[in-house]
PDB file of N, CA and C in Angstrom:
ATOM      1  N   MET A   1      86.122  58.642  95.850  1.00  0.00           N
ATOM      2  CA  MET A   1      86.932  59.885  96.011  1.00  0.00           C
ATOM      3  C   MET A   1      86.280  61.067  95.105  1.00  0.00           C
ATOM      4  N   ALA A   2      85.736  60.676  94.019  1.00  0.00           N
ATOM      5  CA  ALA A   2      85.139  61.692  93.191  1.00  0.00           C
ATOM      6  C   ALA A   2      83.879  62.349  93.731  1.00  0.00           C
ATOM      7  N   GLU A   3      83.208  61.547  94.556  1.00  0.00           N
ATOM      8  CA  GLU A   3      82.074  62.139  95.297  1.00  0.00           C
ATOM      9  C   GLU A   3      82.531  63.256  96.335  1.00  0.00           C
ATOM     10  N   LYS A   4      83.634  62.954  96.969  1.00  0.00           N
ATOM     11  CA  LYS A   4      84.164  63.974  97.916  1.00  0.00           C
ATOM     12  C   LYS A   4      84.594  65.223  97.260  1.00  0.00           C
ATOM     13  N   LYS A   5      85.212  65.085  96.069  1.00  0.00           N
ATOM     14  CA  LYS A   5      85.701  66.288  95.304  1.00  0.00           C
ATOM     15  C   LYS A   5      84.458  67.070  94.862  1.00  0.00           C
ATOM     16  N   SER A   6      83.472  66.311  94.410  1.00  0.00           N
ATOM     17  CA  SER A   6      82.230  67.049  93.935  1.00  0.00           C
ATOM     18  C   SER A   6      81.564  67.727  95.072  1.00  0.00           C
ATOM     19  N   TYR A   7      81.567  67.083  96.236  1.00  0.00           N
ATOM     20  CA  TYR A   7      80.923  67.838  97.469  1.00  0.00           C
ATOM     21  C   TYR A   7      81.735  68.936  97.810  1.00  0.00           C
ATOM     22  N   GLU A   8      83.057  68.930  97.792  1.00  0.00           N
ATOM     23  CA  GLU A   8      83.941  70.112  98.171  1.00  0.00           C
ATOM     24  C   GLU A   8      83.706  71.248  97.172  1.00  0.00           C
ATOM     25  N   SER A   9      83.444  70.901  95.862  1.00  0.00           N
ATOM     26  CA  SER A   9      83.163  71.851  94.895  1.00  0.00           C
ATOM     27  C   SER A   9      81.844  72.612  95.264  1.00  0.00           C
ATOM     28  N   LEU A  10      80.828  71.836  95.714  1.00  0.00           N
ATOM     29  CA  LEU A  10      79.560  72.373  96.087  1.00  0.00           C
ATOM     30  C   LEU A  10      79.633  73.205  97.337  1.00  0.00           C
ATOM     31  N   GLU A  11      80.530  72.855  98.225  1.00  0.00           N
ATOM     32  CA  GLU A  11      80.717  73.585  99.426  1.00  0.00           C
ATOM     33  C   GLU A  11      81.272  74.984  99.115  1.00  0.00           C
ATOM     34  N   LEU A  12      82.153  75.112  98.191  1.00  0.00           N
ATOM     35  CA  LEU A  12      82.808  76.409  97.705  1.00  0.00           C
ATOM     36  C   LEU A  12      81.714  77.153  97.019  1.00  0.00           C
ATOM     37  N   LYS A  13      80.903  76.574  96.233  1.00  0.00           N
ATOM     38  CA  LYS A  13      79.762  77.350  95.593  1.00  0.00           C
ATOM     39  C   LYS A  13      78.862  77.852  96.555  1.00  0.00           C
ATOM     40  N   ALA A  14      78.497  77.129  97.598  1.00  0.00           N
ATOM     41  CA  ALA A  14      77.532  77.511  98.688  1.00  0.00           C
ATOM     42  C   ALA A  14      78.106  78.689  99.370  1.00  0.00           C
ATOM     43  N   GLU A  15      79.459  78.660  99.699  1.00  0.00           N
ATOM     44  CA  GLU A  15      80.114  79.809 100.345  1.00  0.00           C
ATOM     45  C   GLU A  15      80.060  81.094  99.495  1.00  0.00           C
ATOM     46  N   ILE A  16      80.238  80.868  98.185  1.00  0.00           N
ATOM     47  CA  ILE A  16      80.226  82.108  97.280  1.00  0.00           C
ATOM     48  C   ILE A  16      78.806  82.635  97.334  1.00  0.00           C
ATOM     49  N   LEU A  17      77.760  81.769  97.242  1.00  0.00           N
ATOM     50  CA  LEU A  17      76.354  82.279  97.252  1.00  0.00           C
ATOM     51  C   LEU A  17      76.066  83.017  98.549  1.00  0.00           C
ATOM     52  N   LYS A  18      76.647  82.335  99.675  1.00  0.00           N
ATOM     53  CA  LYS A  18      76.310  83.072 100.983  1.00  0.00           C
ATOM     54  C   LYS A  18      77.029  84.454 101.028  1.00  0.00           C
ATOM     55  N   ALA A  19      78.207  84.580 100.387  1.00  0.00           N
ATOM     56  CA  ALA A  19      78.957  85.802 100.372  1.00  0.00           C
ATOM     57  C   ALA A  19      78.204  86.916  99.594  1.00  0.00           C
ATOM     58  N   ILE A  20      77.444  86.484  98.584  1.00  0.00           N
ATOM     59  CA  ILE A  20      76.801  87.483  97.740  1.00  0.00           C
ATOM     60  C   ILE A  20      75.357  87.774  98.101  1.00  0.00           C
ATOM     61  N   ALA A  21      74.837  87.039  99.100  1.00  0.00           N
ATOM     62  CA  ALA A  21      73.512  87.063  99.431  1.00  0.00           C
ATOM     63  C   ALA A  21      73.118  88.166 100.343  1.00  0.00           C
ATOM     64  N   HIS A  22      73.433  89.413  99.863  1.00  0.00           N
ATOM     65  CA  HIS A  22      73.048  90.602 100.560  1.00  0.00           C
ATOM     66  C   HIS A  22      72.927  91.696  99.536  1.00  0.00           C
ATOM     67  N   PRO A  23      71.929  92.590  99.706  1.00  0.00           N
ATOM     68  CA  PRO A  23      71.715  93.654  98.676  1.00  0.00           C
ATOM     69  C   PRO A  23      72.931  94.598  98.448  1.00  0.00           C
ATOM     70  N   VAL A  24      73.564  94.953  99.523  1.00  0.00           N
ATOM     71  CA  VAL A  24      74.700  95.789  99.344  1.00  0.00           C
ATOM     72  C   VAL A  24      75.873  95.099  98.615  1.00  0.00           C
ATOM     73  N   ARG A  25      76.141  93.808  98.978  1.00  0.00           N
ATOM     74  CA  ARG A  25      77.104  93.153  98.171  1.00  0.00           C
ATOM     75  C   ARG A  25      76.838  92.897  96.744  1.00  0.00           C
ATOM     76  N   LEU A  26      75.490  92.576  96.497  1.00  0.00           N
ATOM     77  CA  LEU A  26      75.113  92.477  95.059  1.00  0.00           C
ATOM     78  C   LEU A  26      75.244  93.785  94.380  1.00  0.00           C
ATOM     79  N   CYS A  27      74.923  94.891  95.060  1.00  0.00           N
ATOM     80  CA  CYS A  27      75.079  96.142  94.331  1.00  0.00           C
ATOM     81  C   CYS A  27      76.598  96.454  94.053  1.00  0.00           C
ATOM     82  N   ILE A  28      77.445  96.088  94.949  1.00  0.00           N
ATOM     83  CA  ILE A  28      78.847  96.282  94.791  1.00  0.00           C
ATOM     84  C   ILE A  28      79.356  95.446  93.609  1.00  0.00           C
ATOM     85  N   LEU A  29      78.987  94.233  93.639  1.00  0.00           N
ATOM     86  CA  LEU A  29      79.372  93.289  92.445  1.00  0.00           C
ATOM     87  C   LEU A  29      78.769  93.796  91.131  1.00  0.00           C
ATOM     88  N   GLN A  30      77.572  94.296  91.101  1.00  0.00           N
ATOM     89  CA  GLN A  30      76.942  94.821  89.890  1.00  0.00           C
ATOM     90  C   GLN A  30      77.803  96.045  89.417  1.00  0.00           C
ATOM     91  N   GLY A  31      78.170  96.841  90.305  1.00  0.00           N
ATOM     92  CA  GLY A  31      78.989  98.002  89.993  1.00  0.00           C
ATOM     93  C   GLY A  31      80.347  97.574  89.443  1.00  0.00           C
ATOM     94  N   LEU A  32      81.001  96.614  89.960  1.00  0.00           N
ATOM     95  CA  LEU A  32      82.298  96.086  89.549  1.00  0.00           C
ATOM     96  C   LEU A  32      82.139  95.466  88.131  1.00  0.00           C
ATOM     97  N   VAL A  33      80.943  94.845  87.819  1.00  0.00           N
ATOM     98  CA  VAL A  33      80.827  94.251  86.564  1.00  0.00           C
ATOM     99  C   VAL A  33      80.544  95.360  85.458  1.00  0.00           C
ATOM    100  N   ARG A  34      79.762  96.285  85.898  1.00  0.00           N
ATOM    101  CA  ARG A  34      79.397  97.511  84.918  1.00  0.00           C
ATOM    102  C   ARG A  34      80.448  98.461  84.765  1.00  0.00           C
ATOM    103  N   GLU A  35      81.194  98.806  85.837  1.00  0.00           N
ATOM    104  CA  GLU A  35      82.072  99.927  85.775  1.00  0.00           C
ATOM    105  C   GLU A  35      83.523  99.553  85.815  1.00  0.00           C
ATOM    106  N   GLY A  36      83.783  98.227  86.187  1.00  0.00           N
ATOM    107  CA  GLY A  36      85.156  97.771  86.290  1.00  0.00           C
ATOM    108  C   GLY A  36      85.713  98.059  87.685  1.00  0.00           C
ATOM    109  N   PRO A  37      87.049  97.839  87.842  1.00  0.00           N
ATOM    110  CA  PRO A  37      87.625  98.053  89.205  1.00  0.00           C
ATOM    111  C   PRO A  37      87.336  99.312  89.867  1.00  0.00           C
ATOM    112  N   SER A  38      87.233  99.367  91.195  1.00  0.00           N
ATOM    113  CA  SER A  38      86.739 100.570  91.905  1.00  0.00           C
ATOM    114  C   SER A  38      87.388 100.567  93.332  1.00  0.00           C
ATOM    115  N   ASN A  39      87.624 101.769  93.881  1.00  0.00           N
ATOM    116  CA  ASN A  39      88.039 101.885  95.267  1.00  0.00           C
ATOM    117  C   ASN A  39      86.869 102.007  96.199  1.00  0.00           C
ATOM    118  N   VAL A  40      87.098 101.887  97.503  1.00  0.00           N
ATOM    119  CA  VAL A  40      86.044 101.956  98.514  1.00  0.00           C
ATOM    120  C   VAL A  40      85.300 103.285  98.559  1.00  0.00           C
ATOM    121  N   GLY A  41      86.105 104.400  98.385  1.00  0.00           N
ATOM    122  CA  GLY A  41      85.603 105.743  98.375  1.00  0.00           C
ATOM    123  C   GLY A  41      84.493 105.851  97.230  1.00  0.00           C
ATOM    124  N   LYS A  42      84.793 105.436  96.113  1.00  0.00           N
ATOM    125  CA  LYS A  42      83.844 105.529  94.968  1.00  0.00           C
ATOM    126  C   LYS A  42      82.541 104.647  95.318  1.00  0.00           C
ATOM    127  N   MET A  43      82.782 103.447  95.870  1.00  0.00           N
ATOM    128  CA  MET A  43      81.671 102.612  96.133  1.00  0.00           C
ATOM    129  C   MET A  43      80.869 103.258  97.223  1.00  0.00           C
ATOM    130  N   GLN A  44      81.467 103.770  98.211  1.00  0.00           N
ATOM    131  CA  GLN A  44      80.745 104.445  99.376  1.00  0.00           C
ATOM    132  C   GLN A  44      79.918 105.553  98.921  1.00  0.00           C
ATOM    133  N   THR A  45      80.389 106.330  97.997  1.00  0.00           N
ATOM    134  CA  THR A  45      79.628 107.539  97.420  1.00  0.00           C
ATOM    135  C   THR A  45      78.447 106.989  96.687  1.00  0.00           C
ATOM    136  N   CYS A  46      78.660 106.054  95.859  1.00  0.00           N
ATOM    137  CA  CYS A  46      77.608 105.478  95.022  1.00  0.00           C
ATOM    138  C   CYS A  46      76.503 104.862  95.833  1.00  0.00           C
ATOM    139  N   LEU A  47      76.843 104.099  96.930  1.00  0.00           N
ATOM    140  CA  LEU A  47      75.918 103.367  97.725  1.00  0.00           C
ATOM    141  C   LEU A  47      75.315 104.200  98.776  1.00  0.00           C
ATOM    142  N   ASP A  48      75.969 105.377  99.152  1.00  0.00           N
ATOM    143  CA  ASP A  48      75.569 106.234 100.161  1.00  0.00           C
ATOM    144  C   ASP A  48      75.381 105.586 101.506  1.00  0.00           C
ATOM    145  N   ILE A  49      76.431 104.797 101.846  1.00  0.00           N
ATOM    146  CA  ILE A  49      76.514 104.069 103.255  1.00  0.00           C
ATOM    147  C   ILE A  49      77.993 104.417 103.646  1.00  0.00           C
ATOM    148  N   PRO A  50      78.189 104.322 104.946  1.00  0.00           N
ATOM    149  CA  PRO A  50      79.553 104.566 105.606  1.00  0.00           C
ATOM    150  C   PRO A  50      80.647 103.688 104.897  1.00  0.00           C
ATOM    151  N   GLN A  51      81.778 104.264 104.865  1.00  0.00           N
ATOM    152  CA  GLN A  51      82.917 103.550 104.249  1.00  0.00           C
ATOM    153  C   GLN A  51      83.316 102.302 104.949  1.00  0.00           C
ATOM    154  N   ALA A  52      83.172 102.317 106.373  1.00  0.00           N
ATOM    155  CA  ALA A  52      83.357 101.199 107.140  1.00  0.00           C
ATOM    156  C   ALA A  52      82.476  99.930 106.767  1.00  0.00           C
ATOM    157  N   THR A  53      81.240 100.337 106.469  1.00  0.00           N
ATOM    158  CA  THR A  53      80.220  99.255 106.113  1.00  0.00           C
ATOM    159  C   THR A  53      80.704  98.710 104.676  1.00  0.00           C
ATOM    160  N   VAL A  54      81.068  99.519 103.813  1.00  0.00           N
ATOM    161  CA  VAL A  54      81.512  99.014 102.495  1.00  0.00           C
ATOM    162  C   VAL A  54      82.619  98.058 102.700  1.00  0.00           C
ATOM    163  N   SER A  55      83.612  98.427 103.512  1.00  0.00           N
ATOM    164  CA  SER A  55      84.789  97.701 103.825  1.00  0.00           C
ATOM    165  C   SER A  55      84.441  96.322 104.486  1.00  0.00           C
ATOM    166  N   GLN A  56      83.450  96.271 105.351  1.00  0.00           N
ATOM    167  CA  GLN A  56      83.027  95.051 105.887  1.00  0.00           C
ATOM    168  C   GLN A  56      82.477  94.086 104.840  1.00  0.00           C
ATOM    169  N   HIS A  57      81.651  94.625 103.941  1.00  0.00           N
ATOM    170  CA  HIS A  57      81.124  93.783 102.922  1.00  0.00           C
ATOM    171  C   HIS A  57      82.140  93.371 101.848  1.00  0.00           C
ATOM    172  N   LEU A  58      83.137  94.196 101.621  1.00  0.00           N
ATOM    173  CA  LEU A  58      84.259  93.738 100.754  1.00  0.00           C
ATOM    174  C   LEU A  58      85.044  92.618 101.387  1.00  0.00           C
ATOM    175  N   ALA A  59      85.242  92.671 102.684  1.00  0.00           N
ATOM    176  CA  ALA A  59      86.007  91.661 103.394  1.00  0.00           C
ATOM    177  C   ALA A  59      85.359  90.382 103.288  1.00  0.00           C
ATOM    178  N   LYS A  60      84.025  90.374 103.381  1.00  0.00           N
ATOM    179  CA  LYS A  60      83.288  89.038 103.318  1.00  0.00           C
ATOM    180  C   LYS A  60      83.507  88.430 101.902  1.00  0.00           C
ATOM    181  N   MET A  61      83.388  89.250 100.912  1.00  0.00           N
ATOM    182  CA  MET A  61      83.563  88.723  99.479  1.00  0.00           C
ATOM    183  C   MET A  61      84.987  88.359  99.226  1.00  0.00           C
ATOM    184  N   LYS A  62      85.948  89.147  99.801  1.00  0.00           N
ATOM    185  CA  LYS A  62      87.394  88.813  99.621  1.00  0.00           C
ATOM    186  C   LYS A  62      87.680  87.493 100.197  1.00  0.00           C
ATOM    187  N   ALA A  63      87.134  87.212 101.357  1.00  0.00           N
ATOM    188  CA  ALA A  63      87.346  85.967 102.203  1.00  0.00           C
ATOM    189  C   ALA A  63      87.070  84.755 101.343  1.00  0.00           C
ATOM    190  N   VAL A  64      86.037  84.817 100.454  1.00  0.00           N
ATOM    191  CA  VAL A  64      85.676  83.600  99.569  1.00  0.00           C
ATOM    192  C   VAL A  64      86.387  83.677  98.309  1.00  0.00           C
ATOM    193  N   GLY A  65      87.183  84.754  98.029  1.00  0.00           N
ATOM    194  CA  GLY A  65      87.873  84.847  96.799  1.00  0.00           C
ATOM    195  C   GLY A  65      87.203  85.325  95.652  1.00  0.00           C
ATOM    196  N   ILE A  66      86.041  86.032  95.722  1.00  0.00           N
ATOM    197  CA  ILE A  66      85.397  86.441  94.452  1.00  0.00           C
ATOM    198  C   ILE A  66      85.842  87.764  94.131  1.00  0.00           C
ATOM    199  N   ILE A  67      86.417  88.572  94.939  1.00  0.00           N
ATOM    200  CA  ILE A  67      87.043  89.829  94.649  1.00  0.00           C
ATOM    201  C   ILE A  67      88.520  89.794  95.134  1.00  0.00           C
ATOM    202  N   LYS A  68      89.355  90.764  94.610  1.00  0.00           N
ATOM    203  CA  LYS A  68      90.577  90.958  95.193  1.00  0.00           C
ATOM    204  C   LYS A  68      90.975  92.427  95.074  1.00  0.00           C
ATOM    205  N   GLY A  69      91.826  92.900  95.962  1.00  0.00           N
ATOM    206  CA  GLY A  69      92.244  94.242  96.027  1.00  0.00           C
ATOM    207  C   GLY A  69      93.693  94.374  95.754  1.00  0.00           C
ATOM    208  N   LYS A  70      94.032  95.509  95.045  1.00  0.00           N
ATOM    209  CA  LYS A  70      95.417  95.763  94.791  1.00  0.00           C
ATOM    210  C   LYS A  70      95.600  97.303  95.173  1.00  0.00           C
ATOM    211  N   ARG A  71      96.755  97.411  95.971  1.00  0.00           N
ATOM    212  CA  ARG A  71      96.980  98.689  96.516  1.00  0.00           C
ATOM    213  C   ARG A  71      97.580  99.532  95.362  1.00  0.00           C
ATOM    214  N   LYS A  72      97.131 100.841  95.277  1.00  0.00           N
ATOM    215  CA  LYS A  72      97.529 101.889  94.464  1.00  0.00           C
ATOM    216  C   LYS A  72      97.815 103.134  95.304  1.00  0.00           C
ATOM    217  N   GLY A  73      98.953 103.338  95.700  1.00  0.00           N
ATOM    218  CA  GLY A  73      99.207 104.463  96.592  1.00  0.00           C
ATOM    219  C   GLY A  73      98.556 104.239  97.899  1.00  0.00           C
ATOM    220  N   THR A  74      97.613 105.213  98.313  1.00  0.00           N
ATOM    221  CA  THR A  74      96.896 105.087  99.541  1.00  0.00           C
ATOM    222  C   THR A  74      95.638 104.446  99.362  1.00  0.00           C
ATOM    223  N   GLN A  75      95.197 103.979  98.226  1.00  0.00           N
ATOM    224  CA  GLN A  75      94.000 103.361  97.895  1.00  0.00           C
ATOM    225  C   GLN A  75      94.112 101.911  97.713  1.00  0.00           C
ATOM    226  N   VAL A  76      93.062 101.173  97.841  1.00  0.00           N
ATOM    227  CA  VAL A  76      93.001  99.742  97.358  1.00  0.00           C
ATOM    228  C   VAL A  76      91.878  99.763  96.273  1.00  0.00           C
ATOM    229  N   VAL A  77      92.180  99.230  95.185  1.00  0.00           N
ATOM    230  CA  VAL A  77      91.319  99.112  94.049  1.00  0.00           C
ATOM    231  C   VAL A  77      90.820  97.635  93.984  1.00  0.00           C
ATOM    232  N   TYR A  78      89.538  97.435  93.986  1.00  0.00           N
ATOM    233  CA  TYR A  78      88.965  96.095  94.018  1.00  0.00           C
ATOM    234  C   TYR A  78      88.396  95.780  92.631  1.00  0.00           C
ATOM    235  N   LYS A  79      88.635  94.386  92.265  1.00  0.00           N
ATOM    236  CA  LYS A  79      88.114  93.898  90.999  1.00  0.00           C
ATOM    237  C   LYS A  79      87.619  92.490  91.309  1.00  0.00           C
ATOM    238  N   LEU A  80      86.817  91.985  90.327  1.00  0.00           N
ATOM    239  CA  LEU A  80      86.377  90.607  90.446  1.00  0.00           C
ATOM    240  C   LEU A  80      87.464  89.629  90.039  1.00  0.00           C
ATOM    241  N   THR A  81      87.361  88.419  90.629  1.00  0.00           N
ATOM    242  CA  THR A  81      88.301  87.302  90.228  1.00  0.00           C
ATOM    243  C   THR A  81      87.509  86.368  89.343  1.00  0.00           C
ATOM    244  N   SER A  82      88.133  85.388  88.966  1.00  0.00           N
ATOM    245  CA  SER A  82      87.474  84.448  88.055  1.00  0.00           C
ATOM    246  C   SER A  82      86.866  83.203  88.796  1.00  0.00           C
ATOM    247  N   ILE A  83      87.050  83.238  90.114  1.00  0.00           N
ATOM    248  CA  ILE A  83      86.486  82.098  91.000  1.00  0.00           C
ATOM    249  C   ILE A  83      84.933  82.120  90.857  1.00  0.00           C
ATOM    250  N   GLY A  84      84.464  80.946  90.579  1.00  0.00           N
ATOM    251  CA  GLY A  84      83.131  80.691  90.493  1.00  0.00           C
ATOM    252  C   GLY A  84      82.346  81.380  89.305  1.00  0.00           C
ATOM    253  N   ASN A  85      83.218  81.858  88.358  1.00  0.00           N
ATOM    254  CA  ASN A  85      82.668  82.568  87.310  1.00  0.00           C
ATOM    255  C   ASN A  85      81.662  83.659  87.762  1.00  0.00           C
ATOM    256  N   ILE A  86      82.062  84.393  88.674  1.00  0.00           N
ATOM    257  CA  ILE A  86      81.135  85.439  89.360  1.00  0.00           C
ATOM    258  C   ILE A  86      80.684  86.527  88.404  1.00  0.00           C
ATOM    259  N   GLU A  87      81.501  86.923  87.485  1.00  0.00           N
ATOM    260  CA  GLU A  87      81.008  87.975  86.586  1.00  0.00           C
ATOM    261  C   GLU A  87      79.831  87.431  85.757  1.00  0.00           C
ATOM    262  N   GLN A  88      79.972  86.365  85.235  1.00  0.00           N
ATOM    263  CA  GLN A  88      78.840  85.702  84.431  1.00  0.00           C
ATOM    264  C   GLN A  88      77.681  85.566  85.277  1.00  0.00           C
ATOM    265  N   LEU A  89      77.836  85.111  86.498  1.00  0.00           N
ATOM    266  CA  LEU A  89      76.721  84.859  87.433  1.00  0.00           C
ATOM    267  C   LEU A  89      75.982  86.172  87.650  1.00  0.00           C
ATOM    268  N   ILE A  90      76.672  87.264  87.910  1.00  0.00           N
ATOM    269  CA  ILE A  90      76.084  88.574  88.188  1.00  0.00           C
ATOM    270  C   ILE A  90      75.430  89.114  86.961  1.00  0.00           C
ATOM    271  N   ARG A  91      76.101  89.003  85.855  1.00  0.00           N
ATOM    272  CA  ARG A  91      75.486  89.437  84.517  1.00  0.00           C
ATOM    273  C   ARG A  91      74.214  88.732  84.254  1.00  0.00           C
ATOM    274  N   THR A  92      74.137  87.466  84.509  1.00  0.00           N
ATOM    275  CA  THR A  92      72.969  86.678  84.173  1.00  0.00           C
ATOM    276  C   THR A  92      71.896  86.964  85.262  1.00  0.00           C
ATOM    277  N   PHE A  93      72.250  86.988  86.506  1.00  0.00           N
ATOM    278  CA  PHE A  93      71.321  87.113  87.658  1.00  0.00           C
ATOM    279  C   PHE A  93      70.691  88.506  87.669  1.00  0.00           C
ATOM    280  N   LEU A  94      71.640  89.591  87.445  1.00  0.00           N
ATOM    281  CA  LEU A  94      71.085  90.940  87.656  1.00  0.00           C
ATOM    282  C   LEU A  94      70.880  91.657  86.199  1.00  0.00           C
TER     283      LEU A  94
END
């Protein structure tokens, strides 16, 4: 049974790595580590890509649980979660 749990843990880690394996997503994560929580508009301006594209990338990272969004009025502010120790991973890797 321990082997199955270990394998499931590795599957989650693989999903996290797949979710961050894109230059735009790495840039978003790097910005969240350096600047803290941010909204899509701020990310879009910084990255100079369409807002819809930023939202698609955020959705992929949100799906695996490495970021979460909190509504503030008409905006959603995104921040890193503690899943997979993503902040430390990004600080070390980038």
